[in-house]
Amino acid sequence: MNDSRKESEKEGTGMSDANTKILLYSIIGMLALGFLSVLFVIVPWLLHDDSPSWKQILVDDSIVLVTIAMFVYGFYMNTKIH
């Protein structure tokens, strides 16, 4: 009985799993592209105090990326636990 209810719930969503995955990957890709463009182009342009070297900008940005990656991984692991 539970199997038939699960199948009817899947049919009632209106979107297949493949379409949902494509939509999710598209949204994540656009957000990542926007984040990287802001991080590597606009932030150094706005905060150019006496033209820092690109090496220093990339080091600073990599620290930010590692911090965000750790936060996202922690959030993902938290959702898997609960």
N, C-alpha and C. Protein backbone atom coordinates (compact mmCIF):
# COMPACT_ATOMS: atom_id res chain seq x y z
N MET A 1 0.82 -1.19 0.00
CA MET A 1 0.00 0.00 0.00
C MET A 1 0.87 1.25 0.00
N ASN A 2 1.96 1.24 0.71
CA ASN A 2 2.84 2.39 0.74
C ASN A 2 3.48 2.64 -0.61
N ASP A 3 3.79 1.56 -1.34
CA ASP A 3 4.41 1.72 -2.65
C ASP A 3 3.48 2.43 -3.63
N SER A 4 2.20 2.10 -3.61
CA SER A 4 1.28 2.74 -4.53
C SER A 4 1.08 4.21 -4.16
N ARG A 5 1.13 4.53 -2.88
CA ARG A 5 0.98 5.93 -2.48
C ARG A 5 2.21 6.74 -2.89
N LYS A 6 3.41 6.14 -2.77
CA LYS A 6 4.62 6.83 -3.19
C LYS A 6 4.60 7.09 -4.70
N GLU A 7 4.14 6.12 -5.47
CA GLU A 7 4.08 6.30 -6.92
C GLU A 7 3.08 7.38 -7.30
N SER A 8 1.96 7.44 -6.61
CA SER A 8 0.97 8.47 -6.93
C SER A 8 1.49 9.86 -6.54
N GLU A 9 2.29 9.94 -5.47
CA GLU A 9 2.86 11.23 -5.09
C GLU A 9 3.87 11.69 -6.12
N LYS A 10 4.65 10.76 -6.67
CA LYS A 10 5.62 11.12 -7.70
C LYS A 10 4.92 11.61 -8.96
N GLU A 11 3.83 10.98 -9.32
CA GLU A 11 3.11 11.37 -10.53
C GLU A 11 2.44 12.73 -10.36
N GLY A 12 2.09 13.10 -9.17
CA GLY A 12 1.38 14.35 -8.93
C GLY A 12 2.28 15.58 -8.90
N THR A 13 3.60 15.41 -8.93
CA THR A 13 4.48 16.56 -8.85
C THR A 13 4.50 17.37 -10.13
N GLY A 14 4.31 16.75 -11.27
CA GLY A 14 4.28 17.48 -12.52
C GLY A 14 5.63 17.61 -13.19
N MET A 15 6.72 17.36 -12.48
CA MET A 15 8.06 17.44 -13.05
C MET A 15 8.76 16.11 -12.82
N SER A 16 9.47 15.65 -13.81
CA SER A 16 10.22 14.41 -13.64
C SER A 16 11.51 14.71 -12.88
N ASP A 17 12.14 13.66 -12.40
CA ASP A 17 13.38 13.83 -11.66
C ASP A 17 14.48 14.42 -12.53
N ALA A 18 14.51 14.06 -13.80
CA ALA A 18 15.54 14.58 -14.71
C ALA A 18 15.38 16.08 -14.90
N ASN A 19 14.13 16.54 -15.08
CA ASN A 19 13.91 17.98 -15.25
C ASN A 19 14.26 18.75 -13.98
N THR A 20 13.96 18.17 -12.84
CA THR A 20 14.29 18.82 -11.58
C THR A 20 15.79 18.95 -11.41
N LYS A 21 16.53 17.90 -11.75
CA LYS A 21 17.99 17.94 -11.64
C LYS A 21 18.58 18.97 -12.60
N ILE A 22 18.07 19.03 -13.81
CA ILE A 22 18.57 20.01 -14.78
C ILE A 22 18.31 21.43 -14.29
N LEU A 23 17.13 21.66 -13.75
CA LEU A 23 16.80 22.98 -13.22
C LEU A 23 17.70 23.33 -12.05
N LEU A 24 17.92 22.39 -11.16
CA LEU A 24 18.77 22.63 -10.00
C LEU A 24 20.20 22.93 -10.43
N TYR A 25 20.75 22.14 -11.35
CA TYR A 25 22.12 22.38 -11.83
C TYR A 25 22.23 23.71 -12.56
N SER A 26 21.21 24.10 -13.29
CA SER A 26 21.24 25.38 -14.00
C SER A 26 21.26 26.55 -13.01
N ILE A 27 20.43 26.47 -12.00
CA ILE A 27 20.38 27.55 -11.01
C ILE A 27 21.70 27.63 -10.25
N ILE A 28 22.24 26.49 -9.84
CA ILE A 28 23.52 26.50 -9.12
C ILE A 28 24.63 27.03 -10.01
N GLY A 29 24.64 26.66 -11.28
CA GLY A 29 25.65 27.15 -12.20
C GLY A 29 25.59 28.66 -12.40
N MET A 30 24.38 29.19 -12.55
CA MET A 30 24.25 30.64 -12.71
C MET A 30 24.66 31.38 -11.45
N LEU A 31 24.29 30.86 -10.29
CA LEU A 31 24.69 31.50 -9.04
C LEU A 31 26.21 31.45 -8.86
N ALA A 32 26.82 30.33 -9.21
CA ALA A 32 28.28 30.20 -9.09
C ALA A 32 28.99 31.16 -10.04
N LEU A 33 28.51 31.27 -11.27
CA LEU A 33 29.11 32.19 -12.23
C LEU A 33 28.98 33.64 -11.75
N GLY A 34 27.82 34.00 -11.24
CA GLY A 34 27.64 35.35 -10.72
C GLY A 34 28.51 35.62 -9.52
N PHE A 35 28.64 34.63 -8.63
CA PHE A 35 29.49 34.80 -7.46
C PHE A 35 30.94 34.99 -7.86
N LEU A 36 31.43 34.16 -8.78
CA LEU A 36 32.82 34.28 -9.21
C LEU A 36 33.08 35.60 -9.92
N SER A 37 32.14 36.06 -10.72
CA SER A 37 32.36 37.33 -11.41
C SER A 37 32.41 38.48 -10.43
N VAL A 38 31.56 38.45 -9.42
CA VAL A 38 31.61 39.50 -8.39
C VAL A 38 32.90 39.40 -7.60
N LEU A 39 33.29 38.18 -7.24
CA LEU A 39 34.46 37.99 -6.40
C LEU A 39 35.75 38.41 -7.08
N PHE A 40 35.91 38.04 -8.35
CA PHE A 40 37.18 38.27 -9.02
C PHE A 40 37.24 39.54 -9.85
N VAL A 41 36.12 40.18 -10.14
CA VAL A 41 36.14 41.37 -10.98
C VAL A 41 35.72 42.61 -10.20
N ILE A 42 34.56 42.59 -9.62
CA ILE A 42 34.02 43.81 -9.02
C ILE A 42 34.66 44.14 -7.69
N VAL A 43 34.88 43.14 -6.83
CA VAL A 43 35.46 43.43 -5.52
C VAL A 43 36.86 44.05 -5.64
N PRO A 44 37.78 43.48 -6.43
CA PRO A 44 39.09 44.15 -6.56
C PRO A 44 38.99 45.54 -7.20
N TRP A 45 38.04 45.71 -8.11
CA TRP A 45 37.90 47.02 -8.76
C TRP A 45 37.43 48.07 -7.76
N LEU A 46 36.52 47.70 -6.86
CA LEU A 46 36.03 48.65 -5.87
C LEU A 46 37.03 48.91 -4.75
N LEU A 47 37.81 47.92 -4.41
CA LEU A 47 38.73 48.04 -3.27
C LEU A 47 40.17 48.21 -3.69
N HIS A 48 40.41 48.92 -4.77
CA HIS A 48 41.77 49.07 -5.26
C HIS A 48 42.49 50.18 -4.50
N ASP A 49 43.08 49.80 -3.40
CA ASP A 49 43.87 50.79 -2.67
C ASP A 49 45.32 50.68 -3.14
N ASP A 50 45.72 51.60 -3.97
CA ASP A 50 47.05 51.67 -4.56
C ASP A 50 47.41 50.43 -5.38
N SER A 51 46.44 49.93 -6.11
CA SER A 51 46.62 48.82 -7.06
C SER A 51 47.36 47.62 -6.45
N PRO A 52 46.68 46.83 -5.63
CA PRO A 52 47.35 45.64 -5.09
C PRO A 52 47.62 44.64 -6.22
N SER A 53 48.58 43.78 -5.97
CA SER A 53 48.93 42.81 -7.02
C SER A 53 47.82 41.78 -7.16
N TRP A 54 47.73 41.22 -8.36
CA TRP A 54 46.72 40.21 -8.61
C TRP A 54 46.98 38.96 -7.78
N LYS A 55 48.24 38.72 -7.44
CA LYS A 55 48.56 37.56 -6.61
C LYS A 55 47.91 37.71 -5.23
N GLN A 56 48.00 38.88 -4.65
CA GLN A 56 47.39 39.11 -3.33
C GLN A 56 45.87 39.02 -3.41
N ILE A 57 45.29 39.52 -4.49
CA ILE A 57 43.83 39.44 -4.66
C ILE A 57 43.40 37.98 -4.76
N LEU A 58 44.15 37.17 -5.53
CA LEU A 58 43.79 35.76 -5.67
C LEU A 58 43.96 34.99 -4.36
N VAL A 59 44.96 35.34 -3.56
CA VAL A 59 45.14 34.69 -2.26
C VAL A 59 43.95 35.03 -1.36
N ASP A 60 43.57 36.29 -1.32
CA ASP A 60 42.43 36.70 -0.51
C ASP A 60 41.15 36.02 -0.97
N ASP A 61 40.93 35.97 -2.27
CA ASP A 61 39.73 35.33 -2.80
C ASP A 61 39.71 33.83 -2.55
N SER A 62 40.88 33.19 -2.59
CA SER A 62 40.92 31.75 -2.32
C SER A 62 40.59 31.47 -0.86
N ILE A 63 40.99 32.33 0.04
CA ILE A 63 40.62 32.17 1.45
C ILE A 63 39.11 32.28 1.61
N VAL A 64 38.50 33.23 0.92
CA VAL A 64 37.05 33.39 0.98
C VAL A 64 36.37 32.17 0.40
N LEU A 65 36.86 31.65 -0.73
CA LEU A 65 36.26 30.47 -1.35
C LEU A 65 36.35 29.24 -0.46
N VAL A 66 37.48 29.05 0.21
CA VAL A 66 37.63 27.90 1.11
C VAL A 66 36.66 28.03 2.28
N THR A 67 36.51 29.23 2.81
CA THR A 67 35.58 29.45 3.92
C THR A 67 34.15 29.17 3.49
N ILE A 68 33.75 29.63 2.32
CA ILE A 68 32.40 29.38 1.83
C ILE A 68 32.19 27.89 1.56
N ALA A 69 33.21 27.23 1.00
CA ALA A 69 33.10 25.79 0.73
C ALA A 69 32.93 25.01 2.04
N MET A 70 33.65 25.41 3.09
CA MET A 70 33.50 24.74 4.37
C MET A 70 32.10 24.96 4.95
N PHE A 71 31.55 26.15 4.79
CA PHE A 71 30.21 26.43 5.26
C PHE A 71 29.17 25.61 4.51
N VAL A 72 29.30 25.55 3.19
CA VAL A 72 28.35 24.79 2.38
C VAL A 72 28.44 23.30 2.72
N TYR A 73 29.65 22.78 2.90
CA TYR A 73 29.81 21.37 3.26
C TYR A 73 29.20 21.09 4.63
N GLY A 74 29.42 21.97 5.58
CA GLY A 74 28.82 21.81 6.90
C GLY A 74 27.30 21.84 6.84
N PHE A 75 26.76 22.74 6.04
CA PHE A 75 25.31 22.81 5.89
C PHE A 75 24.77 21.54 5.25
N TYR A 76 25.49 21.02 4.24
CA TYR A 76 25.08 19.78 3.58
C TYR A 76 25.11 18.61 4.56
N MET A 77 26.16 18.51 5.34
CA MET A 77 26.26 17.41 6.31
C MET A 77 25.17 17.54 7.38
N ASN A 78 24.82 18.75 7.76
CA ASN A 78 23.77 18.96 8.75
C ASN A 78 22.43 18.50 8.22
N THR A 79 22.16 18.75 6.94
CA THR A 79 20.89 18.30 6.37
C THR A 79 20.84 16.79 6.24
N LYS A 80 21.98 16.14 6.06
CA LYS A 80 22.00 14.69 5.95
C LYS A 80 21.79 14.04 7.32
N ILE A 81 22.23 14.69 8.38
CA ILE A 81 22.09 14.13 9.72
C ILE A 81 20.64 14.20 10.18
N HIS A 82 19.98 15.29 9.90
CA HIS A 82 18.61 15.47 10.39
C HIS A 82 17.64 15.00 9.41
